[in-house]
Each structure stands twice: as C-alpha cells, then as structure tokens.
Amino acid sequence: MKNAYELRETFALRNHNTTITRAEFEARFTATRETVTFTFHGWDGKSYDGERRRARVLRSNEPGYENVRFVKVGKSLHYIDEDYLVLEKATGERHPGASWLVDVERA
C-alpha cells in the first residue's frame, strides 16, 4: 500500500491546490456499505478529547490504494490513518484518526 497522501499528487488540483472536481471524485472513489468509527483528534474544533464519528467508507480504484479507507465529511475527503489510534477520554476506546486529503467542489 502506498501512502494515502501521495494520491494527492495524481489529482488535477484546483483552487490553490485544495480541491478536485465532483466528476473526478466520482470517477476515483466508490461508496461501500462499510462504516468506520474514527476521530479528527481535535483539528475539527470539536474532538479535542478523541470524540468519535462514524461515516461510510469510500474506496479508491487507483492501483496501490485499494486497501486505504477514505471518508467524506461535508465537502472534505479524508483518509483513515490505521496506524494512528487516538484515545477517546470519555469511553477509554481507541479509534483511528482521519487526516484531510482534499476538498470536493460542488457539482
């Protein structure tokens, strides 16, 4: 598996290299029935204590990225960092962290 952030280099980035088009997003990612529990580990302005979120998993059809789990929250596409577990203080559970990859433009 390749580093998920290297996938950004293959995108046709727009808007100060922060967004991709809706068409590119739909061509490269497919929603699955799988869900994942994760945390933004504070950078979303809410989950400073590891509060969890759930989202539907997206998979990429790009070679080398088939096993990377992605989630889309709002306009932003994130990848799940399986190696970085964050402690949720309220429950004592550990969840993988999500890291921002790119924003998706509206259709």
PDB file of N, CA and C in Angstrom:
ATOM      1  N   MET A   1       0.840  -1.183   0.000  1.00  0.00           N
ATOM      2  CA  MET A   1       0.000   0.000   0.000  1.00  0.00           C
ATOM      3  C   MET A   1       0.881   1.242   0.000  1.00  0.00           C
ATOM      4  N   LYS A   2       0.502   2.204  -0.786  1.00  0.00           N
ATOM      5  CA  LYS A   2       1.208   3.474  -0.843  1.00  0.00           C
ATOM      6  C   LYS A   2       0.678   4.409   0.242  1.00  0.00           C
ATOM      7  N   ASN A   3       1.439   5.437   0.533  1.00  0.00           N
ATOM      8  CA  ASN A   3       0.999   6.472   1.449  1.00  0.00           C
ATOM      9  C   ASN A   3      -0.206   7.180   0.832  1.00  0.00           C
ATOM     10  N   ALA A   4      -1.285   7.302   1.568  1.00  0.00           N
ATOM     11  CA  ALA A   4      -2.519   7.873   1.035  1.00  0.00           C
ATOM     12  C   ALA A   4      -2.338   9.319   0.588  1.00  0.00           C
ATOM     13  N   TYR A   5      -1.483  10.051   1.257  1.00  0.00           N
ATOM     14  CA  TYR A   5      -1.309  11.459   0.889  1.00  0.00           C
ATOM     15  C   TYR A   5      -0.623  11.609  -0.471  1.00  0.00           C
ATOM     16  N   GLU A   6       0.118  10.598  -0.913  1.00  0.00           N
ATOM     17  CA  GLU A   6       0.739  10.644  -2.238  1.00  0.00           C
ATOM     18  C   GLU A   6      -0.306  10.638  -3.346  1.00  0.00           C
ATOM     19  N   LEU A   7      -1.496  10.185  -3.043  1.00  0.00           N
ATOM     20  CA  LEU A   7      -2.582  10.186  -4.017  1.00  0.00           C
ATOM     21  C   LEU A   7      -2.896  11.603  -4.480  1.00  0.00           C
ATOM     22  N   ARG A   8      -2.710  12.583  -3.615  1.00  0.00           N
ATOM     23  CA  ARG A   8      -2.959  13.992  -3.978  1.00  0.00           C
ATOM     24  C   ARG A   8      -2.173  14.401  -5.218  1.00  0.00           C
ATOM     25  N   GLU A   9      -0.988  13.869  -5.367  1.00  0.00           N
ATOM     26  CA  GLU A   9      -0.141  14.242  -6.494  1.00  0.00           C
ATOM     27  C   GLU A   9      -0.730  13.814  -7.828  1.00  0.00           C
ATOM     28  N   THR A  10      -1.650  12.864  -7.819  1.00  0.00           N
ATOM     29  CA  THR A  10      -2.255  12.389  -9.057  1.00  0.00           C
ATOM     30  C   THR A  10      -3.536  13.142  -9.403  1.00  0.00           C
ATOM     31  N   PHE A  11      -4.039  13.977  -8.512  1.00  0.00           N
ATOM     32  CA  PHE A  11      -5.262  14.731  -8.757  1.00  0.00           C
ATOM     33  C   PHE A  11      -4.993  15.954  -9.630  1.00  0.00           C
ATOM     34  N   ALA A  12      -6.015  16.395 -10.339  1.00  0.00           N
ATOM     35  CA  ALA A  12      -5.976  17.674 -11.053  1.00  0.00           C
ATOM     36  C   ALA A  12      -6.472  18.727 -10.064  1.00  0.00           C
ATOM     37  N   LEU A  13      -5.568  19.202  -9.220  1.00  0.00           N
ATOM     38  CA  LEU A  13      -5.950  20.109  -8.134  1.00  0.00           C
ATOM     39  C   LEU A  13      -6.314  21.491  -8.658  1.00  0.00           C
ATOM     40  N   ARG A  14      -7.283  22.096  -7.986  1.00  0.00           N
ATOM     41  CA  ARG A  14      -7.779  23.428  -8.334  1.00  0.00           C
ATOM     42  C   ARG A  14      -7.853  24.265  -7.067  1.00  0.00           C
ATOM     43  N   ASN A  15      -8.212  25.526  -7.227  1.00  0.00           N
ATOM     44  CA  ASN A  15      -8.455  26.417  -6.086  1.00  0.00           C
ATOM     45  C   ASN A  15      -7.313  26.365  -5.075  1.00  0.00           C
ATOM     46  N   HIS A  16      -6.158  26.855  -5.483  1.00  0.00           N
ATOM     47  CA  HIS A  16      -4.961  26.889  -4.634  1.00  0.00           C
ATOM     48  C   HIS A  16      -4.527  25.491  -4.193  1.00  0.00           C
ATOM     49  N   ASN A  17      -4.707  24.517  -5.084  1.00  0.00           N
ATOM     50  CA  ASN A  17      -4.303  23.123  -4.836  1.00  0.00           C
ATOM     51  C   ASN A  17      -4.999  22.490  -3.638  1.00  0.00           C
ATOM     52  N   THR A  18      -6.274  22.841  -3.430  1.00  0.00           N
ATOM     53  CA  THR A  18      -7.003  22.277  -2.294  1.00  0.00           C
ATOM     54  C   THR A  18      -8.253  21.506  -2.691  1.00  0.00           C
ATOM     55  N   THR A  19      -8.694  21.596  -3.954  1.00  0.00           N
ATOM     56  CA  THR A  19      -9.949  20.952  -4.337  1.00  0.00           C
ATOM     57  C   THR A  19      -9.791  20.129  -5.610  1.00  0.00           C
ATOM     58  N   ILE A  20     -10.724  19.179  -5.754  1.00  0.00           N
ATOM     59  CA  ILE A  20     -10.888  18.447  -7.008  1.00  0.00           C
ATOM     60  C   ILE A  20     -12.338  18.613  -7.437  1.00  0.00           C
ATOM     61  N   THR A  21     -12.615  18.345  -8.693  1.00  0.00           N
ATOM     62  CA  THR A  21     -13.986  18.466  -9.180  1.00  0.00           C
ATOM     63  C   THR A  21     -14.827  17.301  -8.681  1.00  0.00           C
ATOM     64  N   ARG A  22     -16.118  17.511  -8.684  1.00  0.00           N
ATOM     65  CA  ARG A  22     -17.060  16.452  -8.308  1.00  0.00           C
ATOM     66  C   ARG A  22     -16.908  15.265  -9.267  1.00  0.00           C
ATOM     67  N   ALA A  23     -16.712  15.553 -10.551  1.00  0.00           N
ATOM     68  CA  ALA A  23     -16.568  14.484 -11.546  1.00  0.00           C
ATOM     69  C   ALA A  23     -15.335  13.629 -11.262  1.00  0.00           C
ATOM     70  N   GLU A  24     -14.226  14.262 -10.902  1.00  0.00           N
ATOM     71  CA  GLU A  24     -13.017  13.498 -10.589  1.00  0.00           C
ATOM     72  C   GLU A  24     -13.222  12.651  -9.341  1.00  0.00           C
ATOM     73  N   PHE A  25     -13.881  13.225  -8.340  1.00  0.00           N
ATOM     74  CA  PHE A  25     -14.176  12.485  -7.124  1.00  0.00           C
ATOM     75  C   PHE A  25     -15.011  11.243  -7.440  1.00  0.00           C
ATOM     76  N   GLU A  26     -16.075  11.413  -8.214  1.00  0.00           N
ATOM     77  CA  GLU A  26     -16.960  10.291  -8.528  1.00  0.00           C
ATOM     78  C   GLU A  26     -16.279   9.247  -9.403  1.00  0.00           C
ATOM     79  N   ALA A  27     -15.322   9.669 -10.219  1.00  0.00           N
ATOM     80  CA  ALA A  27     -14.607   8.727 -11.072  1.00  0.00           C
ATOM     81  C   ALA A  27     -13.586   7.903 -10.294  1.00  0.00           C
ATOM     82  N   ARG A  28     -13.049   8.455  -9.218  1.00  0.00           N
ATOM     83  CA  ARG A  28     -11.960   7.792  -8.498  1.00  0.00           C
ATOM     84  C   ARG A  28     -12.379   7.083  -7.220  1.00  0.00           C
ATOM     85  N   PHE A  29     -13.568   7.408  -6.684  1.00  0.00           N
ATOM     86  CA  PHE A  29     -13.980   6.849  -5.402  1.00  0.00           C
ATOM     87  C   PHE A  29     -15.374   6.246  -5.497  1.00  0.00           C
ATOM     88  N   THR A  30     -15.564   5.158  -4.755  1.00  0.00           N
ATOM     89  CA  THR A  30     -16.835   4.454  -4.732  1.00  0.00           C
ATOM     90  C   THR A  30     -17.251   4.243  -3.283  1.00  0.00           C
ATOM     91  N   ALA A  31     -18.517   4.542  -2.993  1.00  0.00           N
ATOM     92  CA  ALA A  31     -19.051   4.314  -1.647  1.00  0.00           C
ATOM     93  C   ALA A  31     -19.275   2.826  -1.439  1.00  0.00           C
ATOM     94  N   THR A  32     -19.038   2.373  -0.208  1.00  0.00           N
ATOM     95  CA  THR A  32     -19.277   0.984   0.155  1.00  0.00           C
ATOM     96  C   THR A  32     -20.346   0.936   1.236  1.00  0.00           C
ATOM     97  N   ARG A  33     -20.719  -0.253   1.634  1.00  0.00           N
ATOM     98  CA  ARG A  33     -21.669  -0.409   2.743  1.00  0.00           C
ATOM     99  C   ARG A  33     -20.955  -0.397   4.094  1.00  0.00           C
ATOM    100  N   GLU A  34     -19.663  -0.458   4.059  1.00  0.00           N
ATOM    101  CA  GLU A  34     -18.847  -0.488   5.271  1.00  0.00           C
ATOM    102  C   GLU A  34     -18.857   0.885   5.946  1.00  0.00           C
ATOM    103  N   THR A  35     -18.851   0.892   7.279  1.00  0.00           N
ATOM    104  CA  THR A  35     -18.705   2.133   8.024  1.00  0.00           C
ATOM    105  C   THR A  35     -17.461   2.039   8.897  1.00  0.00           C
ATOM    106  N   VAL A  36     -16.966   3.185   9.300  1.00  0.00           N
ATOM    107  CA  VAL A  36     -15.783   3.235  10.142  1.00  0.00           C
ATOM    108  C   VAL A  36     -16.025   4.248  11.264  1.00  0.00           C
ATOM    109  N   THR A  37     -15.532   3.913  12.439  1.00  0.00           N
ATOM    110  CA  THR A  37     -15.539   4.833  13.572  1.00  0.00           C
ATOM    111  C   THR A  37     -14.151   5.440  13.643  1.00  0.00           C
ATOM    112  N   PHE A  38     -14.090   6.762  13.693  1.00  0.00           N
ATOM    113  CA  PHE A  38     -12.802   7.460  13.661  1.00  0.00           C
ATOM    114  C   PHE A  38     -12.905   8.749  14.468  1.00  0.00           C
ATOM    115  N   THR A  39     -11.801   9.456  14.581  1.00  0.00           N
ATOM    116  CA  THR A  39     -11.789  10.753  15.239  1.00  0.00           C
ATOM    117  C   THR A  39     -10.960  11.721  14.415  1.00  0.00           C
ATOM    118  N   PHE A  40     -11.290  12.991  14.542  1.00  0.00           N
ATOM    119  CA  PHE A  40     -10.493  14.028  13.892  1.00  0.00           C
ATOM    120  C   PHE A  40      -9.385  14.529  14.816  1.00  0.00           C
ATOM    121  N   HIS A  41      -9.266  13.946  15.992  1.00  0.00           N
ATOM    122  CA  HIS A  41      -8.276  14.263  17.023  1.00  0.00           C
ATOM    123  C   HIS A  41      -8.039  15.762  17.200  1.00  0.00           C
ATOM    124  N   GLY A  42      -9.156  16.516  17.242  1.00  0.00           N
ATOM    125  CA  GLY A  42      -9.111  17.926  17.627  1.00  0.00           C
ATOM    126  C   GLY A  42      -9.080  18.937  16.518  1.00  0.00           C
ATOM    127  N   TRP A  43      -8.590  18.606  15.343  1.00  0.00           N
ATOM    128  CA  TRP A  43      -8.450  19.655  14.348  1.00  0.00           C
ATOM    129  C   TRP A  43      -9.769  20.072  13.731  1.00  0.00           C
ATOM    130  N   ASP A  44     -10.863  19.394  14.024  1.00  0.00           N
ATOM    131  CA  ASP A  44     -12.172  19.830  13.547  1.00  0.00           C
ATOM    132  C   ASP A  44     -12.787  20.871  14.476  1.00  0.00           C
ATOM    133  N   GLY A  45     -12.085  21.196  15.563  1.00  0.00           N
ATOM    134  CA  GLY A  45     -12.582  22.191  16.503  1.00  0.00           C
ATOM    135  C   GLY A  45     -13.557  21.632  17.518  1.00  0.00           C
ATOM    136  N   LYS A  46     -13.774  20.321  17.515  1.00  0.00           N
ATOM    137  CA  LYS A  46     -14.745  19.711  18.419  1.00  0.00           C
ATOM    138  C   LYS A  46     -14.197  18.525  19.183  1.00  0.00           C
ATOM    139  N   SER A  47     -13.372  17.719  18.572  1.00  0.00           N
ATOM    140  CA  SER A  47     -13.000  16.421  19.142  1.00  0.00           C
ATOM    141  C   SER A  47     -11.648  16.451  19.854  1.00  0.00           C
ATOM    142  N   TYR A  48     -11.456  17.413  20.706  1.00  0.00           N
ATOM    143  CA  TYR A  48     -10.180  17.546  21.408  1.00  0.00           C
ATOM    144  C   TYR A  48      -9.903  16.373  22.340  1.00  0.00           C
ATOM    145  N   ASP A  49     -10.953  15.706  22.791  1.00  0.00           N
ATOM    146  CA  ASP A  49     -10.786  14.571  23.681  1.00  0.00           C
ATOM    147  C   ASP A  49     -11.024  13.245  22.965  1.00  0.00           C
ATOM    148  N   GLY A  50     -10.805  13.234  21.643  1.00  0.00           N
ATOM    149  CA  GLY A  50     -10.907  12.000  20.871  1.00  0.00           C
ATOM    150  C   GLY A  50     -12.317  11.553  20.556  1.00  0.00           C
ATOM    151  N   GLU A  51     -13.306  12.466  20.651  1.00  0.00           N
ATOM    152  CA  GLU A  51     -14.686  12.081  20.371  1.00  0.00           C
ATOM    153  C   GLU A  51     -14.797  11.442  18.994  1.00  0.00           C
ATOM    154  N   ARG A  52     -15.562  10.382  18.950  1.00  0.00           N
ATOM    155  CA  ARG A  52     -15.655   9.581  17.728  1.00  0.00           C
ATOM    156  C   ARG A  52     -16.741  10.095  16.791  1.00  0.00           C
ATOM    157  N   ARG A  53     -16.572   9.715  15.536  1.00  0.00           N
ATOM    158  CA  ARG A  53     -17.560   9.950  14.493  1.00  0.00           C
ATOM    159  C   ARG A  53     -17.659   8.663  13.685  1.00  0.00           C
ATOM    160  N   ARG A  54     -18.758   8.522  12.973  1.00  0.00           N
ATOM    161  CA  ARG A  54     -18.937   7.367  12.077  1.00  0.00           C
ATOM    162  C   ARG A  54     -19.258   7.896  10.694  1.00  0.00           C
ATOM    163  N   ALA A  55     -18.747   7.206   9.698  1.00  0.00           N
ATOM    164  CA  ALA A  55     -19.031   7.583   8.312  1.00  0.00           C
ATOM    165  C   ALA A  55     -18.929   6.356   7.426  1.00  0.00           C
ATOM    166  N   ARG A  56     -19.543   6.462   6.284  1.00  0.00           N
ATOM    167  CA  ARG A  56     -19.469   5.388   5.287  1.00  0.00           C
ATOM    168  C   ARG A  56     -18.104   5.431   4.618  1.00  0.00           C
ATOM    169  N   VAL A  57     -17.542   4.262   4.409  1.00  0.00           N
ATOM    170  CA  VAL A  57     -16.213   4.142   3.810  1.00  0.00           C
ATOM    171  C   VAL A  57     -16.301   4.298   2.296  1.00  0.00           C
ATOM    172  N   LEU A  58     -15.344   5.021   1.753  1.00  0.00           N
ATOM    173  CA  LEU A  58     -15.159   5.141   0.311  1.00  0.00           C
ATOM    174  C   LEU A  58     -13.898   4.380  -0.047  1.00  0.00           C
ATOM    175  N   ARG A  59     -13.905   3.761  -1.205  1.00  0.00           N
ATOM    176  CA  ARG A  59     -12.713   3.061  -1.688  1.00  0.00           C
ATOM    177  C   ARG A  59     -12.275   3.695  -2.996  1.00  0.00           C
ATOM    178  N   SER A  60     -10.971   3.691  -3.207  1.00  0.00           N
ATOM    179  CA  SER A  60     -10.400   4.238  -4.430  1.00  0.00           C
ATOM    180  C   SER A  60     -10.141   3.117  -5.430  1.00  0.00           C
ATOM    181  N   ASN A  61     -10.276   3.443  -6.689  1.00  0.00           N
ATOM    182  CA  ASN A  61      -9.963   2.468  -7.734  1.00  0.00           C
ATOM    183  C   ASN A  61      -8.541   2.658  -8.260  1.00  0.00           C
ATOM    184  N   GLU A  62      -7.759   3.518  -7.628  1.00  0.00           N
ATOM    185  CA  GLU A  62      -6.377   3.755  -8.045  1.00  0.00           C
ATOM    186  C   GLU A  62      -5.492   2.600  -7.580  1.00  0.00           C
ATOM    187  N   PRO A  63      -4.624   2.083  -8.465  1.00  0.00           N
ATOM    188  CA  PRO A  63      -3.729   0.990  -8.071  1.00  0.00           C
ATOM    189  C   PRO A  63      -2.849   1.376  -6.885  1.00  0.00           C
ATOM    190  N   GLY A  64      -2.789   0.487  -5.899  1.00  0.00           N
ATOM    191  CA  GLY A  64      -1.996   0.728  -4.706  1.00  0.00           C
ATOM    192  C   GLY A  64      -2.775   1.333  -3.556  1.00  0.00           C
ATOM    193  N   TYR A  65      -3.983   1.810  -3.818  1.00  0.00           N
ATOM    194  CA  TYR A  65      -4.795   2.458  -2.784  1.00  0.00           C
ATOM    195  C   TYR A  65      -6.083   1.694  -2.488  1.00  0.00           C
ATOM    196  N   GLU A  66      -6.186   0.468  -2.973  1.00  0.00           N
ATOM    197  CA  GLU A  66      -7.410  -0.302  -2.803  1.00  0.00           C
ATOM    198  C   GLU A  66      -7.742  -0.595  -1.344  1.00  0.00           C
ATOM    199  N   ASN A  67      -6.724  -0.688  -0.485  1.00  0.00           N
ATOM    200  CA  ASN A  67      -6.956  -1.025   0.918  1.00  0.00           C
ATOM    201  C   ASN A  67      -7.029   0.186   1.844  1.00  0.00           C
ATOM    202  N   VAL A  68      -6.894   1.365   1.306  1.00  0.00           N
ATOM    203  CA  VAL A  68      -6.983   2.584   2.119  1.00  0.00           C
ATOM    204  C   VAL A  68      -8.460   2.940   2.268  1.00  0.00           C
ATOM    205  N   ARG A  69      -8.861   3.241   3.504  1.00  0.00           N
ATOM    206  CA  ARG A  69     -10.239   3.658   3.740  1.00  0.00           C
ATOM    207  C   ARG A  69     -10.303   5.179   3.715  1.00  0.00           C
ATOM    208  N   PHE A  70     -11.265   5.694   2.962  1.00  0.00           N
ATOM    209  CA  PHE A  70     -11.498   7.128   2.847  1.00  0.00           C
ATOM    210  C   PHE A  70     -12.892   7.431   3.362  1.00  0.00           C
ATOM    211  N   VAL A  71     -13.109   8.642   3.865  1.00  0.00           N
ATOM    212  CA  VAL A  71     -14.437   9.104   4.264  1.00  0.00           C
ATOM    213  C   VAL A  71     -14.601  10.528   3.747  1.00  0.00           C
ATOM    214  N   LYS A  72     -15.837  10.876   3.455  1.00  0.00           N
ATOM    215  CA  LYS A  72     -16.144  12.246   3.049  1.00  0.00           C
ATOM    216  C   LYS A  72     -17.056  12.827   4.107  1.00  0.00           C
ATOM    217  N   VAL A  73     -16.617  13.918   4.707  1.00  0.00           N
ATOM    218  CA  VAL A  73     -17.396  14.607   5.728  1.00  0.00           C
ATOM    219  C   VAL A  73     -17.574  16.030   5.233  1.00  0.00           C
ATOM    220  N   GLY A  74     -18.828  16.405   4.965  1.00  0.00           N
ATOM    221  CA  GLY A  74     -19.076  17.705   4.360  1.00  0.00           C
ATOM    222  C   GLY A  74     -18.461  17.736   2.974  1.00  0.00           C
ATOM    223  N   LYS A  75     -17.676  18.758   2.705  1.00  0.00           N
ATOM    224  CA  LYS A  75     -17.036  18.857   1.387  1.00  0.00           C
ATOM    225  C   LYS A  75     -15.648  18.238   1.365  1.00  0.00           C
ATOM    226  N   SER A  76     -15.172  17.757   2.494  1.00  0.00           N
ATOM    227  CA  SER A  76     -13.789  17.298   2.600  1.00  0.00           C
ATOM    228  C   SER A  76     -13.657  15.784   2.536  1.00  0.00           C
ATOM    229  N   LEU A  77     -12.633  15.352   1.824  1.00  0.00           N
ATOM    230  CA  LEU A  77     -12.296  13.942   1.717  1.00  0.00           C
ATOM    231  C   LEU A  77     -11.112  13.675   2.635  1.00  0.00           C
ATOM    232  N   HIS A  78     -11.225  12.652   3.468  1.00  0.00           N
ATOM    233  CA  HIS A  78     -10.197  12.315   4.442  1.00  0.00           C
ATOM    234  C   HIS A  78      -9.790  10.865   4.250  1.00  0.00           C
ATOM    235  N   TYR A  79      -8.586  10.543   4.673  1.00  0.00           N
ATOM    236  CA  TYR A  79      -8.183   9.137   4.703  1.00  0.00           C
ATOM    237  C   TYR A  79      -8.018   8.727   6.150  1.00  0.00           C
ATOM    238  N   ILE A  80      -8.300   7.461   6.421  1.00  0.00           N
ATOM    239  CA  ILE A  80      -8.218   6.918   7.773  1.00  0.00           C
ATOM    240  C   ILE A  80      -6.807   6.397   7.984  1.00  0.00           C
ATOM    241  N   ASP A  81      -6.154   6.928   9.001  1.00  0.00           N
ATOM    242  CA  ASP A  81      -4.791   6.517   9.342  1.00  0.00           C
ATOM    243  C   ASP A  81      -4.882   5.359  10.329  1.00  0.00           C
ATOM    244  N   GLU A  82      -4.795   4.152   9.817  1.00  0.00           N
ATOM    245  CA  GLU A  82      -4.969   2.945  10.621  1.00  0.00           C
ATOM    246  C   GLU A  82      -3.882   2.791  11.683  1.00  0.00           C
ATOM    247  N   ASP A  83      -2.729   3.400  11.476  1.00  0.00           N
ATOM    248  CA  ASP A  83      -1.605   3.255  12.398  1.00  0.00           C
ATOM    249  C   ASP A  83      -1.621   4.285  13.524  1.00  0.00           C
ATOM    250  N   TYR A  84      -2.543   5.226  13.481  1.00  0.00           N
ATOM    251  CA  TYR A  84      -2.580   6.295  14.481  1.00  0.00           C
ATOM    252  C   TYR A  84      -3.891   6.210  15.249  1.00  0.00           C
ATOM    253  N   LEU A  85      -3.873   5.533  16.399  1.00  0.00           N
ATOM    254  CA  LEU A  85      -5.067   5.379  17.219  1.00  0.00           C
ATOM    255  C   LEU A  85      -5.108   6.463  18.281  1.00  0.00           C
ATOM    256  N   VAL A  86      -6.278   7.061  18.443  1.00  0.00           N
ATOM    257  CA  VAL A  86      -6.472   8.162  19.382  1.00  0.00           C
ATOM    258  C   VAL A  86      -7.401   7.703  20.493  1.00  0.00           C
ATOM    259  N   LEU A  87      -7.043   8.013  21.722  1.00  0.00           N
ATOM    260  CA  LEU A  87      -7.842   7.646  22.888  1.00  0.00           C
ATOM    261  C   LEU A  87      -9.033   8.580  23.030  1.00  0.00           C
ATOM    262  N   GLU A  88     -10.233   8.008  23.136  1.00  0.00           N
ATOM    263  CA  GLU A  88     -11.427   8.792  23.444  1.00  0.00           C
ATOM    264  C   GLU A  88     -11.539   8.829  24.966  1.00  0.00           C
ATOM    265  N   LYS A  89     -11.335   9.980  25.551  1.00  0.00           N
ATOM    266  CA  LYS A  89     -11.255  10.096  27.011  1.00  0.00           C
ATOM    267  C   LYS A  89     -12.531   9.660  27.717  1.00  0.00           C
ATOM    268  N   ALA A  90     -13.684   9.910  27.140  1.00  0.00           N
ATOM    269  CA  ALA A  90     -14.950   9.589  27.793  1.00  0.00           C
ATOM    270  C   ALA A  90     -15.185   8.086  27.912  1.00  0.00           C
ATOM    271  N   THR A  91     -14.713   7.305  26.944  1.00  0.00           N
ATOM    272  CA  THR A  91     -15.000   5.872  26.944  1.00  0.00           C
ATOM    273  C   THR A  91     -13.777   4.997  27.138  1.00  0.00           C
ATOM    274  N   GLY A  92     -12.589   5.544  26.911  1.00  0.00           N
ATOM    275  CA  GLY A  92     -11.369   4.762  27.005  1.00  0.00           C
ATOM    276  C   GLY A  92     -11.078   3.934  25.749  1.00  0.00           C
ATOM    277  N   GLU A  93     -11.905   4.076  24.735  1.00  0.00           N
ATOM    278  CA  GLU A  93     -11.697   3.349  23.481  1.00  0.00           C
ATOM    279  C   GLU A  93     -10.705   4.101  22.601  1.00  0.00           C
ATOM    280  N   ARG A  94     -10.079   3.357  21.720  1.00  0.00           N
ATOM    281  CA  ARG A  94      -9.155   3.963  20.762  1.00  0.00           C
ATOM    282  C   ARG A  94      -9.738   3.836  19.359  1.00  0.00           C
ATOM    283  N   HIS A  95      -9.645   4.938  18.607  1.00  0.00           N
ATOM    284  CA  HIS A  95     -10.170   4.982  17.248  1.00  0.00           C
ATOM    285  C   HIS A  95      -9.080   5.516  16.325  1.00  0.00           C
ATOM    286  N   PRO A  96      -9.074   5.064  15.062  1.00  0.00           N
ATOM    287  CA  PRO A  96      -8.092   5.623  14.132  1.00  0.00           C
ATOM    288  C   PRO A  96      -8.407   7.087  13.844  1.00  0.00           C
ATOM    289  N   GLY A  97      -7.375   7.826  13.526  1.00  0.00           N
ATOM    290  CA  GLY A  97      -7.541   9.231  13.189  1.00  0.00           C
ATOM    291  C   GLY A  97      -7.806   9.409  11.706  1.00  0.00           C
ATOM    292  N   ALA A  98      -8.490  10.486  11.380  1.00  0.00           N
ATOM    293  CA  ALA A  98      -8.742  10.840   9.981  1.00  0.00           C
ATOM    294  C   ALA A  98      -7.894  12.055   9.642  1.00  0.00           C
ATOM    295  N   SER A  99      -7.286  12.020   8.480  1.00  0.00           N
ATOM    296  CA  SER A  99      -6.453  13.133   8.023  1.00  0.00           C
ATOM    297  C   SER A  99      -7.007  13.680   6.717  1.00  0.00           C
ATOM    298  N   TRP A 100      -7.016  14.997   6.607  1.00  0.00           N
ATOM    299  CA  TRP A 100      -7.560  15.663   5.420  1.00  0.00           C
ATOM    300  C   TRP A 100      -6.732  15.327   4.199  1.00  0.00           C
ATOM    301  N   LEU A 101      -7.413  15.090   3.094  1.00  0.00           N
ATOM    302  CA  LEU A 101      -6.741  14.823   1.834  1.00  0.00           C
ATOM    303  C   LEU A 101      -7.012  15.934   0.840  1.00  0.00           C
ATOM    304  N   VAL A 102      -8.281  16.246   0.603  1.00  0.00           N
ATOM    305  CA  VAL A 102      -8.641  17.255  -0.393  1.00  0.00           C
ATOM    306  C   VAL A 102     -10.118  17.604  -0.214  1.00  0.00           C
ATOM    307  N   ASP A 103     -10.521  18.786  -0.672  1.00  0.00           N
ATOM    308  CA  ASP A 103     -11.928  19.158  -0.696  1.00  0.00           C
ATOM    309  C   ASP A 103     -12.504  18.815  -2.053  1.00  0.00           C
ATOM    310  N   VAL A 104     -13.813  18.577  -2.084  1.00  0.00           N
ATOM    311  CA  VAL A 104     -14.516  18.243  -3.327  1.00  0.00           C
ATOM    312  C   VAL A 104     -15.440  19.401  -3.654  1.00  0.00           C
ATOM    313  N   GLU A 105     -15.327  19.932  -4.880  1.00  0.00           N
ATOM    314  CA  GLU A 105     -16.173  21.022  -5.301  1.00  0.00           C
ATOM    315  C   GLU A 105     -17.602  20.544  -5.483  1.00  0.00           C
ATOM    316  N   ARG A 106     -18.527  21.456  -5.340  1.00  0.00           N
ATOM    317  CA  ARG A 106     -19.927  21.116  -5.603  1.00  0.00           C
ATOM    318  C   ARG A 106     -20.126  20.901  -7.087  1.00  0.00           C
ATOM    319  N   ALA A 107     -21.151  20.134  -7.407  1.00  0.00           N
ATOM    320  CA  ALA A 107     -21.429  19.803  -8.823  1.00  0.00           C
ATOM    321  C   ALA A 107     -21.765  21.040  -9.630  1.00  0.00           C
TER     322      ALA A 107
END
